[in-house]
Amino acid sequence: MRMGCGECKWFFPLDEDPNRGDCVQRESDEKSEYYTARPCGAEDAACEKFEKK
């Protein structure tokens, strides 16, 4: 069974279209911690950062 972005804890769906959303990841470097977001679809193939909800 193939996992999709919609099943990941980092996927946040859009209110107006739950099949589209953002993958929000917490990143850090030597100076600070921050969040990155990239658009994705609920049915997109899961990436290497996938974590089950």
N, C-alpha and C. Protein backbone atom coordinates (compact mmCIF):
# COMPACT_ATOMS: atom_id res chain seq x y z
N MET A 1 0.84 -1.19 0.00
CA MET A 1 0.00 0.00 0.00
C MET A 1 0.88 1.25 0.00
N ARG A 2 0.57 2.15 -0.87
CA ARG A 2 1.35 3.38 -1.01
C ARG A 2 0.83 4.45 -0.06
N MET A 3 1.73 5.06 0.67
CA MET A 3 1.36 6.15 1.57
C MET A 3 1.33 7.46 0.79
N GLY A 4 0.41 8.34 1.17
CA GLY A 4 0.31 9.65 0.53
C GLY A 4 0.49 10.75 1.55
N CYS A 5 0.71 11.94 1.04
CA CYS A 5 0.91 13.11 1.91
C CYS A 5 -0.26 13.34 2.86
N GLY A 6 -1.47 13.04 2.42
CA GLY A 6 -2.66 13.26 3.25
C GLY A 6 -2.67 12.44 4.53
N GLU A 7 -1.84 11.39 4.59
CA GLU A 7 -1.76 10.53 5.77
C GLU A 7 -0.60 10.91 6.69
N CYS A 8 0.11 11.97 6.35
CA CYS A 8 1.29 12.39 7.11
C CYS A 8 0.93 13.44 8.15
N LYS A 9 1.62 13.40 9.29
CA LYS A 9 1.34 14.38 10.35
C LYS A 9 1.80 15.78 9.98
N TRP A 10 2.64 15.92 8.96
CA TRP A 10 3.15 17.23 8.54
C TRP A 10 2.27 17.87 7.47
N PHE A 11 1.22 17.18 7.00
CA PHE A 11 0.32 17.71 5.97
C PHE A 11 -0.80 18.50 6.63
N PHE A 12 -0.96 19.76 6.20
CA PHE A 12 -2.03 20.62 6.72
C PHE A 12 -2.90 21.04 5.54
N PRO A 13 -4.14 20.50 5.44
CA PRO A 13 -5.00 20.79 4.29
C PRO A 13 -5.51 22.23 4.30
N LEU A 14 -5.81 22.72 3.11
CA LEU A 14 -6.40 24.05 2.97
C LEU A 14 -7.89 23.96 3.31
N ASP A 15 -8.44 25.00 3.92
CA ASP A 15 -9.87 25.02 4.26
C ASP A 15 -10.74 24.92 3.02
N GLU A 16 -10.37 25.63 1.96
CA GLU A 16 -11.20 25.66 0.76
C GLU A 16 -11.06 24.41 -0.11
N ASP A 17 -9.98 23.63 0.04
CA ASP A 17 -9.78 22.40 -0.73
C ASP A 17 -8.94 21.42 0.08
N PRO A 18 -9.57 20.50 0.80
CA PRO A 18 -8.84 19.56 1.66
C PRO A 18 -7.90 18.62 0.91
N ASN A 19 -8.04 18.54 -0.42
CA ASN A 19 -7.13 17.70 -1.21
C ASN A 19 -5.82 18.41 -1.54
N ARG A 20 -5.73 19.68 -1.23
CA ARG A 20 -4.51 20.46 -1.41
C ARG A 20 -4.09 20.98 -0.03
N GLY A 21 -2.82 21.19 0.15
CA GLY A 21 -2.37 21.70 1.43
C GLY A 21 -0.89 22.02 1.42
N ASP A 22 -0.34 22.13 2.61
CA ASP A 22 1.08 22.43 2.77
C ASP A 22 1.75 21.36 3.62
N CYS A 23 2.97 21.05 3.25
CA CYS A 23 3.83 20.19 4.05
C CYS A 23 4.68 21.14 4.89
N VAL A 24 4.46 21.14 6.19
CA VAL A 24 5.14 22.08 7.08
C VAL A 24 6.16 21.30 7.91
N GLN A 25 7.42 21.65 7.77
CA GLN A 25 8.51 20.97 8.47
C GLN A 25 9.25 21.94 9.37
N ARG A 26 9.65 21.45 10.54
CA ARG A 26 10.48 22.25 11.44
C ARG A 26 11.93 22.01 11.07
N GLU A 27 12.65 23.08 10.82
CA GLU A 27 14.06 23.01 10.43
C GLU A 27 14.88 23.76 11.47
N SER A 28 16.16 23.48 11.51
CA SER A 28 17.03 24.23 12.40
C SER A 28 18.42 24.34 11.79
N ASP A 29 19.09 25.40 12.14
CA ASP A 29 20.49 25.58 11.77
C ASP A 29 21.22 26.06 13.02
N GLU A 30 22.46 26.46 12.87
CA GLU A 30 23.24 26.85 14.04
C GLU A 30 22.74 28.12 14.71
N LYS A 31 21.93 28.92 14.00
CA LYS A 31 21.46 30.19 14.56
C LYS A 31 20.03 30.14 15.09
N SER A 32 19.16 29.36 14.47
CA SER A 32 17.75 29.40 14.87
C SER A 32 16.99 28.16 14.41
N GLU A 33 15.75 28.08 14.85
CA GLU A 33 14.82 27.07 14.39
C GLU A 33 13.70 27.79 13.67
N TYR A 34 13.19 27.18 12.62
CA TYR A 34 12.16 27.81 11.80
C TYR A 34 11.34 26.73 11.11
N TYR A 35 10.26 27.14 10.48
CA TYR A 35 9.39 26.23 9.74
C TYR A 35 9.48 26.52 8.26
N THR A 36 9.45 25.47 7.47
CA THR A 36 9.36 25.61 6.02
C THR A 36 8.04 24.99 5.58
N ALA A 37 7.47 25.53 4.53
CA ALA A 37 6.21 25.01 4.00
C ALA A 37 6.32 24.90 2.49
N ARG A 38 5.82 23.79 1.96
CA ARG A 38 5.76 23.64 0.51
C ARG A 38 4.40 23.09 0.14
N PRO A 39 3.83 23.56 -0.96
CA PRO A 39 2.52 23.07 -1.37
C PRO A 39 2.59 21.62 -1.82
N CYS A 40 1.55 20.87 -1.52
CA CYS A 40 1.46 19.48 -1.96
C CYS A 40 0.01 19.04 -1.98
N GLY A 41 -0.24 17.90 -2.58
CA GLY A 41 -1.58 17.34 -2.64
C GLY A 41 -1.71 16.16 -1.70
N ALA A 42 -2.92 15.91 -1.23
CA ALA A 42 -3.16 14.80 -0.31
C ALA A 42 -2.80 13.46 -0.93
N GLU A 43 -2.91 13.34 -2.25
CA GLU A 43 -2.62 12.09 -2.94
C GLU A 43 -1.19 11.99 -3.45
N ASP A 44 -0.37 13.02 -3.24
CA ASP A 44 1.02 12.97 -3.68
C ASP A 44 1.76 11.86 -2.93
N ALA A 45 2.75 11.27 -3.57
CA ALA A 45 3.55 10.22 -2.94
C ALA A 45 4.29 10.80 -1.73
N ALA A 46 4.35 10.03 -0.68
CA ALA A 46 5.02 10.47 0.54
C ALA A 46 6.52 10.62 0.32
N CYS A 47 7.11 11.59 0.98
CA CYS A 47 8.55 11.83 0.86
C CYS A 47 9.29 11.11 2.00
N GLU A 48 10.59 11.33 2.08
CA GLU A 48 11.42 10.66 3.09
C GLU A 48 11.14 11.17 4.51
N LYS A 49 10.44 12.30 4.65
CA LYS A 49 10.11 12.84 5.97
C LYS A 49 8.73 12.42 6.45
N PHE A 50 8.10 11.48 5.75
CA PHE A 50 6.76 11.02 6.09
C PHE A 50 6.71 10.46 7.52
N GLU A 51 5.69 10.89 8.28
CA GLU A 51 5.39 10.32 9.60
C GLU A 51 3.89 10.12 9.67
N LYS A 52 3.49 8.91 9.98
CA LYS A 52 2.06 8.57 10.07
C LYS A 52 1.38 9.40 11.14
N LYS A 53 0.14 9.87 10.83
CA LYS A 53 -0.65 10.66 11.80
C LYS A 53 -0.98 9.81 13.00
